[in-house]
Amino acid sequence: MATYLATATNGVFELRISQTRDGLPIYDAVDPSQTVAWATLAHEPEIIDFLSELYGRYPFATAGGIVDDVDGLGFALENQTRPIYSKDFFSDRSSPVDSVVVHELAHQWVGDDVALAAWQHIWLNEGFATYSEWLWSEHEGRGTAQEIYDSLTSIPADSPFWSVKIGDPGPDALFDGAVYDRGAATLHALRLEIGDASFFRLLRRWTREHARGNATIPEFIALAERISGQDLDAFFTEWLFTAAKPASLAPAAGLARSALTVPRVAQGSAPRTVKR
């Protein structure tokens, strides 16, 4: 376990125990003053089942979450098996509350079980967790991944949003909103490039081959090329390693809602603001 993923939380909490359809126990601890959080945390079994279809079997023996009555916390963190959430997420109704839970639970695969070899590879954590939010949004009948991508890629080329080189953002931009949102757009663009079958196979192979280990962006690129049979150097150069809007972006049909259903495979963060 990466040291930053360990947690010890002391206080008075209400503890509730639930489970996924496969019997995975989920332990949630919520400060008694924050009962509003329970309605969102009740979706954890469904979210874990959904993410298991994307990334493979949940990688740990338990799951859960912690909501404390702490003023000014302002973020969520993917502590291993027990993400901690600012109480503010559950009182802010400006966006679907469950998206932050999707994000932190996705990190159990991408960020916790598959950890970074170095912080410069942060896209492997935040881009993936954010794209999981996009896919969940569509699963829930909200905005489709294509619609979110189209909105994001309509940001003008002269916006500071495109000035972050998300494949190696540097310490000052490590958690910049572009790492999350351009990071997710990179994955959607990759999906458009290599097709659904290769893309979803790639996600599962990535988490399986690097489980309980540390990973790098070059390793992901190499796996994407092996699975797709394509040379993707130019693609990743402009999406990850160029501090500008990708030149290849142009109006395109993209993917329809019906094509964005996550295929079932046979058996066998802090709030962000996009700067336009």
C-alpha atoms as a PDB file:
ATOM      1  CA  MET A   1       0.000   0.000   0.000  1.00  0.00           C
ATOM      2  CA  ALA A   2       1.214   3.499  -0.820  1.00  0.00           C
ATOM      3  CA  THR A   3       1.673   5.348   2.475  1.00  0.00           C
ATOM      4  CA  TYR A   4      -0.632   8.224   1.529  1.00  0.00           C
ATOM      5  CA  LEU A   5      -3.511   5.740   1.195  1.00  0.00           C
ATOM      6  CA  ALA A   6      -3.468   4.657   4.851  1.00  0.00           C
ATOM      7  CA  THR A   7      -5.945   6.238   7.249  1.00  0.00           C
ATOM      8  CA  ALA A   8      -6.897   6.165  10.912  1.00  0.00           C
ATOM      9  CA  THR A   9      -9.999   8.163  11.824  1.00  0.00           C
ATOM     10  CA  ASN A  10     -11.071   8.648  15.424  1.00  0.00           C
ATOM     11  CA  GLY A  11     -14.428   9.952  16.579  1.00  0.00           C
ATOM     12  CA  VAL A  12     -18.055   9.089  17.106  1.00  0.00           C
ATOM     13  CA  PHE A  13     -19.591   7.565  13.990  1.00  0.00           C
ATOM     14  CA  GLU A  14     -22.683   5.703  12.955  1.00  0.00           C
ATOM     15  CA  LEU A  15     -21.505   2.470  11.317  1.00  0.00           C
ATOM     16  CA  ARG A  16     -23.555   0.697   8.674  1.00  0.00           C
ATOM     17  CA  ILE A  17     -22.618  -2.517   6.883  1.00  0.00           C
ATOM     18  CA  SER A  18     -23.896  -3.531   3.461  1.00  0.00           C
ATOM     19  CA  GLN A  19     -22.616  -5.728   0.639  1.00  0.00           C
ATOM     20  CA  THR A  20     -22.383  -6.039  -3.127  1.00  0.00           C
ATOM     21  CA  ARG A  21     -24.248  -8.679  -5.108  1.00  0.00           C
ATOM     22  CA  ASP A  22     -21.102 -10.847  -4.809  1.00  0.00           C
ATOM     23  CA  GLY A  23     -21.053 -10.545  -1.028  1.00  0.00           C
ATOM     24  CA  LEU A  24     -18.242  -7.987  -0.679  1.00  0.00           C
ATOM     25  CA  PRO A  25     -18.706  -6.302   2.739  1.00  0.00           C
ATOM     26  CA  ILE A  26     -18.985  -2.493   2.740  1.00  0.00           C
ATOM     27  CA  TYR A  27     -18.342  -0.599   5.977  1.00  0.00           C
ATOM     28  CA  ASP A  28     -19.445   3.037   6.094  1.00  0.00           C
ATOM     29  CA  ALA A  29     -18.799   5.376   9.016  1.00  0.00           C
ATOM     30  CA  VAL A  30     -20.658   8.689   9.081  1.00  0.00           C
ATOM     31  CA  ASP A  31     -20.660  11.406  11.712  1.00  0.00           C
ATOM     32  CA  PRO A  32     -24.138  11.504  13.317  1.00  0.00           C
ATOM     33  CA  SER A  33     -24.558  15.113  12.193  1.00  0.00           C
ATOM     34  CA  GLN A  34     -24.073  14.166   8.521  1.00  0.00           C
ATOM     35  CA  THR A  35     -27.020  11.838   7.934  1.00  0.00           C
ATOM     36  CA  VAL A  36     -27.598  13.438   4.518  1.00  0.00           C
ATOM     37  CA  ALA A  37     -24.643  11.370   3.246  1.00  0.00           C
ATOM     38  CA  TRP A  38     -26.383   8.039   3.753  1.00  0.00           C
ATOM     39  CA  ALA A  39     -28.615   8.406   0.692  1.00  0.00           C
ATOM     40  CA  THR A  40     -25.546   8.672  -1.545  1.00  0.00           C
ATOM     41  CA  LEU A  41     -23.473   5.990   0.176  1.00  0.00           C
ATOM     42  CA  ALA A  42     -26.392   3.595  -0.287  1.00  0.00           C
ATOM     43  CA  HIS A  43     -25.402   3.461  -3.977  1.00  0.00           C
ATOM     44  CA  GLU A  44     -21.948   2.004  -3.230  1.00  0.00           C
ATOM     45  CA  PRO A  45     -22.913  -1.635  -3.940  1.00  0.00           C
ATOM     46  CA  GLU A  46     -24.285  -0.704  -7.367  1.00  0.00           C
ATOM     47  CA  ILE A  47     -21.289   1.523  -8.123  1.00  0.00           C
ATOM     48  CA  ILE A  48     -18.793  -1.196  -7.183  1.00  0.00           C
ATOM     49  CA  ASP A  49     -20.647  -3.714  -9.335  1.00  0.00           C
ATOM     50  CA  PHE A  50     -20.585  -1.246 -12.246  1.00  0.00           C
ATOM     51  CA  LEU A  51     -16.870  -0.521 -11.843  1.00  0.00           C
ATOM     52  CA  SER A  52     -16.140  -4.247 -11.599  1.00  0.00           C
ATOM     53  CA  GLU A  53     -17.521  -4.619 -15.113  1.00  0.00           C
ATOM     54  CA  LEU A  54     -15.087  -1.942 -16.285  1.00  0.00           C
ATOM     55  CA  TYR A  55     -11.924  -2.925 -14.433  1.00  0.00           C
ATOM     56  CA  GLY A  56     -12.406  -6.483 -13.247  1.00  0.00           C
ATOM     57  CA  ARG A  57     -13.002  -7.934  -9.805  1.00  0.00           C
ATOM     58  CA  TYR A  58     -12.797  -5.458  -6.905  1.00  0.00           C
ATOM     59  CA  PRO A  59      -9.192  -5.728  -5.688  1.00  0.00           C
ATOM     60  CA  PHE A  60      -9.610  -5.757  -1.896  1.00  0.00           C
ATOM     61  CA  ALA A  61     -11.449  -7.732   0.781  1.00  0.00           C
ATOM     62  CA  THR A  62     -13.678  -4.860   1.958  1.00  0.00           C
ATOM     63  CA  ALA A  63     -14.943  -1.475   0.793  1.00  0.00           C
ATOM     64  CA  GLY A  64     -16.541   1.522   2.435  1.00  0.00           C
ATOM     65  CA  GLY A  65     -16.245   5.204   3.193  1.00  0.00           C
ATOM     66  CA  ILE A  66     -15.922   7.820   5.914  1.00  0.00           C
ATOM     67  CA  VAL A  67     -17.771  11.129   6.261  1.00  0.00           C
ATOM     68  CA  ASP A  68     -16.638  13.282   9.187  1.00  0.00           C
ATOM     69  CA  ASP A  69     -17.930  16.578  10.517  1.00  0.00           C
ATOM     70  CA  VAL A  70     -14.795  18.565   9.654  1.00  0.00           C
ATOM     71  CA  ASP A  71     -15.053  22.149   8.468  1.00  0.00           C
ATOM     72  CA  GLY A  72     -12.886  23.207   5.532  1.00  0.00           C
ATOM     73  CA  LEU A  73     -11.796  19.709   4.488  1.00  0.00           C
ATOM     74  CA  GLY A  74     -12.731  20.490   0.901  1.00  0.00           C
ATOM     75  CA  PHE A  75     -11.657  17.243  -0.767  1.00  0.00           C
ATOM     76  CA  ALA A  76     -12.120  13.500  -1.015  1.00  0.00           C
ATOM     77  CA  LEU A  77      -9.219  11.058  -0.809  1.00  0.00           C
ATOM     78  CA  GLU A  78      -9.057   7.469  -2.052  1.00  0.00           C
ATOM     79  CA  ASN A  79      -7.789   5.874   1.170  1.00  0.00           C
ATOM     80  CA  GLN A  80      -7.415   2.168   0.491  1.00  0.00           C
ATOM     81  CA  THR A  81     -10.793   0.468   1.105  1.00  0.00           C
ATOM     82  CA  ARG A  82     -12.085   3.534   3.046  1.00  0.00           C
ATOM     83  CA  PRO A  83     -12.219   6.769   1.039  1.00  0.00           C
ATOM     84  CA  ILE A  84     -12.843   9.848   3.138  1.00  0.00           C
ATOM     85  CA  TYR A  85     -15.275  12.495   1.903  1.00  0.00           C
ATOM     86  CA  SER A  86     -15.707  16.119   2.852  1.00  0.00           C
ATOM     87  CA  LYS A  87     -19.181  16.675   4.252  1.00  0.00           C
ATOM     88  CA  ASP A  88     -19.521  19.500   1.716  1.00  0.00           C
ATOM     89  CA  PHE A  89     -19.930  17.036  -1.160  1.00  0.00           C
ATOM     90  CA  PHE A  90     -23.252  15.888   0.244  1.00  0.00           C
ATOM     91  CA  SER A  91     -24.680  19.342   0.897  1.00  0.00           C
ATOM     92  CA  ASP A  92     -23.739  20.725  -2.545  1.00  0.00           C
ATOM     93  CA  ARG A  93     -26.548  19.827  -4.951  1.00  0.00           C
ATOM     94  CA  SER A  94     -25.057  21.612  -7.960  1.00  0.00           C
ATOM     95  CA  SER A  95     -23.915  18.283  -9.416  1.00  0.00           C
ATOM     96  CA  PRO A  96     -24.857  14.600  -8.922  1.00  0.00           C
ATOM     97  CA  VAL A  97     -23.577  13.693  -5.466  1.00  0.00           C
ATOM     98  CA  ASP A  98     -22.719  10.124  -6.400  1.00  0.00           C
ATOM     99  CA  SER A  99     -20.046  11.209  -8.903  1.00  0.00           C
ATOM    100  CA  VAL A 100     -17.460  11.767  -6.155  1.00  0.00           C
ATOM    101  CA  VAL A 101     -18.174   8.295  -4.765  1.00  0.00           C
ATOM    102  CA  VAL A 102     -17.692   6.813  -8.246  1.00  0.00           C
ATOM    103  CA  HIS A 103     -14.406   8.708  -8.535  1.00  0.00           C
ATOM    104  CA  GLU A 104     -12.970   7.527  -5.222  1.00  0.00           C
ATOM    105  CA  LEU A 105     -14.156   3.940  -5.645  1.00  0.00           C
ATOM    106  CA  ALA A 106     -12.641   3.819  -9.141  1.00  0.00           C
ATOM    107  CA  HIS A 107      -9.344   4.758  -7.519  1.00  0.00           C
ATOM    108  CA  GLN A 108      -9.430   1.469  -5.618  1.00  0.00           C
ATOM    109  CA  TRP A 109      -8.427  -0.096  -8.949  1.00  0.00           C
ATOM    110  CA  VAL A 110      -6.565   2.811 -10.584  1.00  0.00           C
ATOM    111  CA  GLY A 111      -4.473   4.539  -7.966  1.00  0.00           C
ATOM    112  CA  ASP A 112      -4.581   2.079  -5.078  1.00  0.00           C
ATOM    113  CA  ASP A 113      -4.245  -1.454  -6.445  1.00  0.00           C
ATOM    114  CA  VAL A 114      -2.393  -0.133  -9.503  1.00  0.00           C
ATOM    115  CA  ALA A 115      -0.251   2.570  -7.913  1.00  0.00           C
ATOM    116  CA  LEU A 116       1.933   5.168  -9.600  1.00  0.00           C
ATOM    117  CA  ALA A 117       5.621   4.551 -10.110  1.00  0.00           C
ATOM    118  CA  ALA A 118       6.131   8.335  -9.784  1.00  0.00           C
ATOM    119  CA  TRP A 119       3.844  11.351  -9.401  1.00  0.00           C
ATOM    120  CA  GLN A 120       4.467  12.501 -12.974  1.00  0.00           C
ATOM    121  CA  HIS A 121       2.192   9.625 -14.070  1.00  0.00           C
ATOM    122  CA  ILE A 122      -0.792  11.102 -12.185  1.00  0.00           C
ATOM    123  CA  TRP A 123      -2.953  10.875 -15.337  1.00  0.00           C
ATOM    124  CA  LEU A 124      -3.156   7.125 -14.723  1.00  0.00           C
ATOM    125  CA  ASN A 125      -5.021   7.914 -11.505  1.00  0.00           C
ATOM    126  CA  GLU A 126      -7.107  10.992 -12.140  1.00  0.00           C
ATOM    127  CA  GLY A 127      -7.908  10.661 -15.823  1.00  0.00           C
ATOM    128  CA  PHE A 128      -9.192   7.127 -15.284  1.00  0.00           C
ATOM    129  CA  ALA A 129     -11.244   7.935 -12.186  1.00  0.00           C
ATOM    130  CA  THR A 130     -12.795  10.931 -13.939  1.00  0.00           C
ATOM    131  CA  TYR A 131     -13.650   8.894 -17.038  1.00  0.00           C
ATOM    132  CA  SER A 132     -15.329   6.414 -14.711  1.00  0.00           C
ATOM    133  CA  GLU A 133     -17.575   9.313 -13.648  1.00  0.00           C
ATOM    134  CA  TRP A 134     -18.449   9.961 -17.303  1.00  0.00           C
ATOM    135  CA  LEU A 135     -19.392   6.342 -17.882  1.00  0.00           C
ATOM    136  CA  TRP A 136     -21.446   6.264 -14.686  1.00  0.00           C
ATOM    137  CA  SER A 137     -23.238   9.446 -15.789  1.00  0.00           C
ATOM    138  CA  GLU A 138     -24.353   7.704 -18.934  1.00  0.00           C
ATOM    139  CA  HIS A 139     -25.252   4.535 -17.047  1.00  0.00           C
ATOM    140  CA  GLU A 140     -27.572   6.660 -14.907  1.00  0.00           C
ATOM    141  CA  GLY A 141     -29.216   8.285 -17.929  1.00  0.00           C
ATOM    142  CA  ARG A 142     -27.573  11.667 -17.479  1.00  0.00           C
ATOM    143  CA  GLY A 143     -25.082  13.188 -19.909  1.00  0.00           C
ATOM    144  CA  THR A 144     -23.374  10.662 -22.171  1.00  0.00           C
ATOM    145  CA  ALA A 145     -19.622  10.284 -22.279  1.00  0.00           C
ATOM    146  CA  GLN A 146     -19.738  11.640 -25.832  1.00  0.00           C
ATOM    147  CA  GLU A 147     -21.730  14.690 -24.748  1.00  0.00           C
ATOM    148  CA  ILE A 148     -19.322  15.449 -21.920  1.00  0.00           C
ATOM    149  CA  TYR A 149     -16.379  14.992 -24.285  1.00  0.00           C
ATOM    150  CA  ASP A 150     -17.959  17.274 -26.897  1.00  0.00           C
ATOM    151  CA  SER A 151     -18.529  19.971 -24.284  1.00  0.00           C
ATOM    152  CA  LEU A 152     -14.970  19.742 -23.010  1.00  0.00           C
ATOM    153  CA  THR A 153     -13.344  19.713 -26.421  1.00  0.00           C
ATOM    154  CA  SER A 154     -15.311  22.811 -27.412  1.00  0.00           C
ATOM    155  CA  ILE A 155     -13.141  24.840 -25.016  1.00  0.00           C
ATOM    156  CA  PRO A 156     -11.244  27.376 -27.164  1.00  0.00           C
ATOM    157  CA  ALA A 157      -7.653  26.585 -28.046  1.00  0.00           C
ATOM    158  CA  ASP A 158      -6.389  29.726 -26.281  1.00  0.00           C
ATOM    159  CA  SER A 159      -7.884  28.677 -22.941  1.00  0.00           C
ATOM    160  CA  PRO A 160      -5.437  27.973 -20.078  1.00  0.00           C
ATOM    161  CA  PHE A 161      -7.166  24.597 -19.850  1.00  0.00           C
ATOM    162  CA  TRP A 162      -5.062  23.327 -22.762  1.00  0.00           C
ATOM    163  CA  SER A 163      -1.763  24.652 -21.413  1.00  0.00           C
ATOM    164  CA  VAL A 164      -1.175  21.779 -18.968  1.00  0.00           C
ATOM    165  CA  LYS A 165       0.947  18.874 -20.219  1.00  0.00           C
ATOM    166  CA  ILE A 166      -1.026  16.233 -18.373  1.00  0.00           C
ATOM    167  CA  GLY A 167       1.407  13.373 -19.094  1.00  0.00           C
ATOM    168  CA  ASP A 168       3.972  15.154 -16.899  1.00  0.00           C
ATOM    169  CA  PRO A 169       2.289  18.206 -15.361  1.00  0.00           C
ATOM    170  CA  GLY A 170       4.986  19.145 -12.874  1.00  0.00           C
ATOM    171  CA  PRO A 171       4.488  19.714  -9.147  1.00  0.00           C
ATOM    172  CA  ASP A 172       2.554  22.982  -9.471  1.00  0.00           C
ATOM    173  CA  ALA A 173      -0.071  21.483 -11.792  1.00  0.00           C
ATOM    174  CA  LEU A 174      -0.170  17.963 -10.385  1.00  0.00           C
ATOM    175  CA  PHE A 175      -3.838  18.256  -9.404  1.00  0.00           C
ATOM    176  CA  ASP A 176      -4.887  20.874 -11.934  1.00  0.00           C
ATOM    177  CA  GLY A 177      -8.399  20.403 -13.285  1.00  0.00           C
ATOM    178  CA  ALA A 178      -6.994  19.590 -16.716  1.00  0.00           C
ATOM    179  CA  VAL A 179      -5.259  16.485 -15.324  1.00  0.00           C
ATOM    180  CA  TYR A 180      -8.728  15.217 -14.424  1.00  0.00           C
ATOM    181  CA  ASP A 181     -10.871  16.487 -17.280  1.00  0.00           C
ATOM    182  CA  ARG A 182      -8.459  16.545 -20.218  1.00  0.00           C
ATOM    183  CA  GLY A 183      -7.280  13.245 -18.749  1.00  0.00           C
ATOM    184  CA  ALA A 184     -10.754  11.757 -19.093  1.00  0.00           C
ATOM    185  CA  ALA A 185     -11.117  13.255 -22.572  1.00  0.00           C
ATOM    186  CA  THR A 186      -7.860  11.535 -23.541  1.00  0.00           C
ATOM    187  CA  LEU A 187      -9.373   8.182 -22.650  1.00  0.00           C
ATOM    188  CA  HIS A 188     -12.535   8.917 -24.609  1.00  0.00           C
ATOM    189  CA  ALA A 189     -10.457  10.005 -27.602  1.00  0.00           C
ATOM    190  CA  LEU A 190      -8.482   6.764 -27.284  1.00  0.00           C
ATOM    191  CA  ARG A 191     -11.743   4.852 -27.269  1.00  0.00           C
ATOM    192  CA  LEU A 192     -12.801   6.590 -30.471  1.00  0.00           C
ATOM    193  CA  GLU A 193      -9.384   5.783 -31.955  1.00  0.00           C
ATOM    194  CA  ILE A 194      -9.198   2.050 -31.168  1.00  0.00           C
ATOM    195  CA  GLY A 195     -12.868   1.071 -30.794  1.00  0.00           C
ATOM    196  CA  ASP A 196     -14.955  -0.220 -27.915  1.00  0.00           C
ATOM    197  CA  ALA A 197     -13.794  -3.828 -28.002  1.00  0.00           C
ATOM    198  CA  SER A 198     -10.104  -2.959 -27.735  1.00  0.00           C
ATOM    199  CA  PHE A 199     -10.701  -0.099 -25.297  1.00  0.00           C
ATOM    200  CA  PHE A 200     -12.632  -2.043 -22.675  1.00  0.00           C
ATOM    201  CA  ARG A 201     -10.311  -5.016 -23.020  1.00  0.00           C
ATOM    202  CA  LEU A 202      -7.439  -2.599 -22.396  1.00  0.00           C
ATOM    203  CA  LEU A 203      -8.939  -1.325 -19.135  1.00  0.00           C
ATOM    204  CA  ARG A 204      -9.291  -4.803 -17.713  1.00  0.00           C
ATOM    205  CA  ARG A 205      -5.889  -5.987 -18.911  1.00  0.00           C
ATOM    206  CA  TRP A 206      -4.261  -2.873 -17.431  1.00  0.00           C
ATOM    207  CA  THR A 207      -5.631  -3.456 -13.946  1.00  0.00           C
ATOM    208  CA  ARG A 208      -4.974  -7.190 -14.087  1.00  0.00           C
ATOM    209  CA  GLU A 209      -1.380  -6.995 -15.327  1.00  0.00           C
ATOM    210  CA  HIS A 210      -0.352  -4.270 -12.878  1.00  0.00           C
ATOM    211  CA  ALA A 211      -2.320  -5.365  -9.812  1.00  0.00           C
ATOM    212  CA  ARG A 212      -0.468  -4.906  -6.509  1.00  0.00           C
ATOM    213  CA  GLY A 213       2.228  -2.987  -8.350  1.00  0.00           C
ATOM    214  CA  ASN A 214       3.391   0.361  -9.671  1.00  0.00           C
ATOM    215  CA  ALA A 215       2.863   1.553 -13.218  1.00  0.00           C
ATOM    216  CA  THR A 216       3.911   4.222 -15.705  1.00  0.00           C
ATOM    217  CA  ILE A 217       2.369   5.981 -18.677  1.00  0.00           C
ATOM    218  CA  PRO A 218       4.824   4.368 -21.151  1.00  0.00           C
ATOM    219  CA  GLU A 219       3.662   0.950 -19.899  1.00  0.00           C
ATOM    220  CA  PHE A 220       0.043   1.918 -20.571  1.00  0.00           C
ATOM    221  CA  ILE A 221       0.893   3.180 -24.046  1.00  0.00           C
ATOM    222  CA  ALA A 222       2.732  -0.057 -24.837  1.00  0.00           C
ATOM    223  CA  LEU A 223      -0.251  -2.143 -23.705  1.00  0.00           C
ATOM    224  CA  ALA A 224      -2.682   0.007 -25.699  1.00  0.00           C
ATOM    225  CA  GLU A 225      -0.575  -0.543 -28.817  1.00  0.00           C
ATOM    226  CA  ARG A 226      -0.377  -4.302 -28.254  1.00  0.00           C
ATOM    227  CA  ILE A 227      -4.115  -4.677 -27.784  1.00  0.00           C
ATOM    228  CA  SER A 228      -5.155  -2.361 -30.598  1.00  0.00           C
ATOM    229  CA  GLY A 229      -2.403  -3.319 -33.036  1.00  0.00           C
ATOM    230  CA  GLN A 230      -1.934   0.383 -33.760  1.00  0.00           C
ATOM    231  CA  ASP A 231       0.973   2.792 -33.492  1.00  0.00           C
ATOM    232  CA  LEU A 232      -0.335   5.328 -30.975  1.00  0.00           C
ATOM    233  CA  ASP A 233       2.765   7.461 -30.457  1.00  0.00           C
ATOM    234  CA  ALA A 234       1.353  10.486 -32.275  1.00  0.00           C
ATOM    235  CA  PHE A 235      -1.977  10.146 -30.482  1.00  0.00           C
ATOM    236  CA  PHE A 236      -0.472  10.144 -26.994  1.00  0.00           C
ATOM    237  CA  THR A 237       2.061  12.838 -27.858  1.00  0.00           C
ATOM    238  CA  GLU A 238      -0.639  15.365 -28.694  1.00  0.00           C
ATOM    239  CA  TRP A 239      -3.049  14.344 -25.921  1.00  0.00           C
ATOM    240  CA  LEU A 240      -0.631  13.831 -23.028  1.00  0.00           C
ATOM    241  CA  PHE A 241       2.622  15.567 -23.843  1.00  0.00           C
ATOM    242  CA  THR A 242       1.643  18.699 -25.757  1.00  0.00           C
ATOM    243  CA  ALA A 243       0.687  21.863 -23.858  1.00  0.00           C
ATOM    244  CA  ALA A 244      -1.898  22.832 -26.447  1.00  0.00           C
ATOM    245  CA  LYS A 245      -5.287  21.721 -27.706  1.00  0.00           C
ATOM    246  CA  PRO A 246      -4.867  18.539 -29.784  1.00  0.00           C
ATOM    247  CA  ALA A 247      -4.630  19.524 -33.429  1.00  0.00           C
ATOM    248  CA  SER A 248      -6.546  16.411 -34.454  1.00  0.00           C
ATOM    249  CA  LEU A 249      -9.743  17.605 -32.797  1.00  0.00           C
ATOM    250  CA  ALA A 250     -12.386  18.243 -35.411  1.00  0.00           C
ATOM    251  CA  PRO A 251     -16.183  17.889 -35.611  1.00  0.00           C
ATOM    252  CA  ALA A 252     -17.044  14.213 -35.798  1.00  0.00           C
ATOM    253  CA  ALA A 253     -19.997  11.961 -35.273  1.00  0.00           C
ATOM    254  CA  GLY A 254     -18.425  10.337 -32.226  1.00  0.00           C
ATOM    255  CA  LEU A 255     -20.400   7.698 -30.423  1.00  0.00           C
ATOM    256  CA  ALA A 256     -24.136   7.572 -30.004  1.00  0.00           C
ATOM    257  CA  ARG A 257     -25.692   6.847 -26.638  1.00  0.00           C
ATOM    258  CA  SER A 258     -26.613   3.333 -27.708  1.00  0.00           C
ATOM    259  CA  ALA A 259     -22.984   2.547 -28.494  1.00  0.00           C
ATOM    260  CA  LEU A 260     -21.734   3.764 -25.137  1.00  0.00           C
ATOM    261  CA  THR A 261     -23.168   0.999 -22.993  1.00  0.00           C
ATOM    262  CA  VAL A 262     -20.288  -0.600 -21.136  1.00  0.00           C
ATOM    263  CA  PRO A 263     -20.090  -4.133 -22.518  1.00  0.00           C
ATOM    264  CA  ARG A 264     -20.501  -6.957 -20.067  1.00  0.00           C
ATOM    265  CA  VAL A 265     -17.435  -9.160 -20.173  1.00  0.00           C
ATOM    266  CA  ALA A 266     -17.920 -12.920 -20.089  1.00  0.00           C
ATOM    267  CA  GLN A 267     -17.358 -14.497 -16.671  1.00  0.00           C
ATOM    268  CA  GLY A 268     -13.781 -15.942 -16.204  1.00  0.00           C
ATOM    269  CA  SER A 269     -11.010  14.063  -5.511  1.00  0.00           C
ATOM    270  CA  ALA A 270     -11.419  17.584  -4.963  1.00  0.00           C
ATOM    271  CA  PRO A 271     -14.132  19.625  -6.766  1.00  0.00           C
ATOM    272  CA  ARG A 272     -12.865  20.854 -10.132  1.00  0.00           C
ATOM    273  CA  THR A 273     -13.527  23.924 -12.221  1.00  0.00           C
ATOM    274  CA  VAL A 274     -12.744  23.900 -15.927  1.00  0.00           C
ATOM    275  CA  LYS A 275     -11.163  27.172 -16.997  1.00  0.00           C
ATOM    276  CA  ARG A 276     -12.490  28.204 -20.385  1.00  0.00           C
END
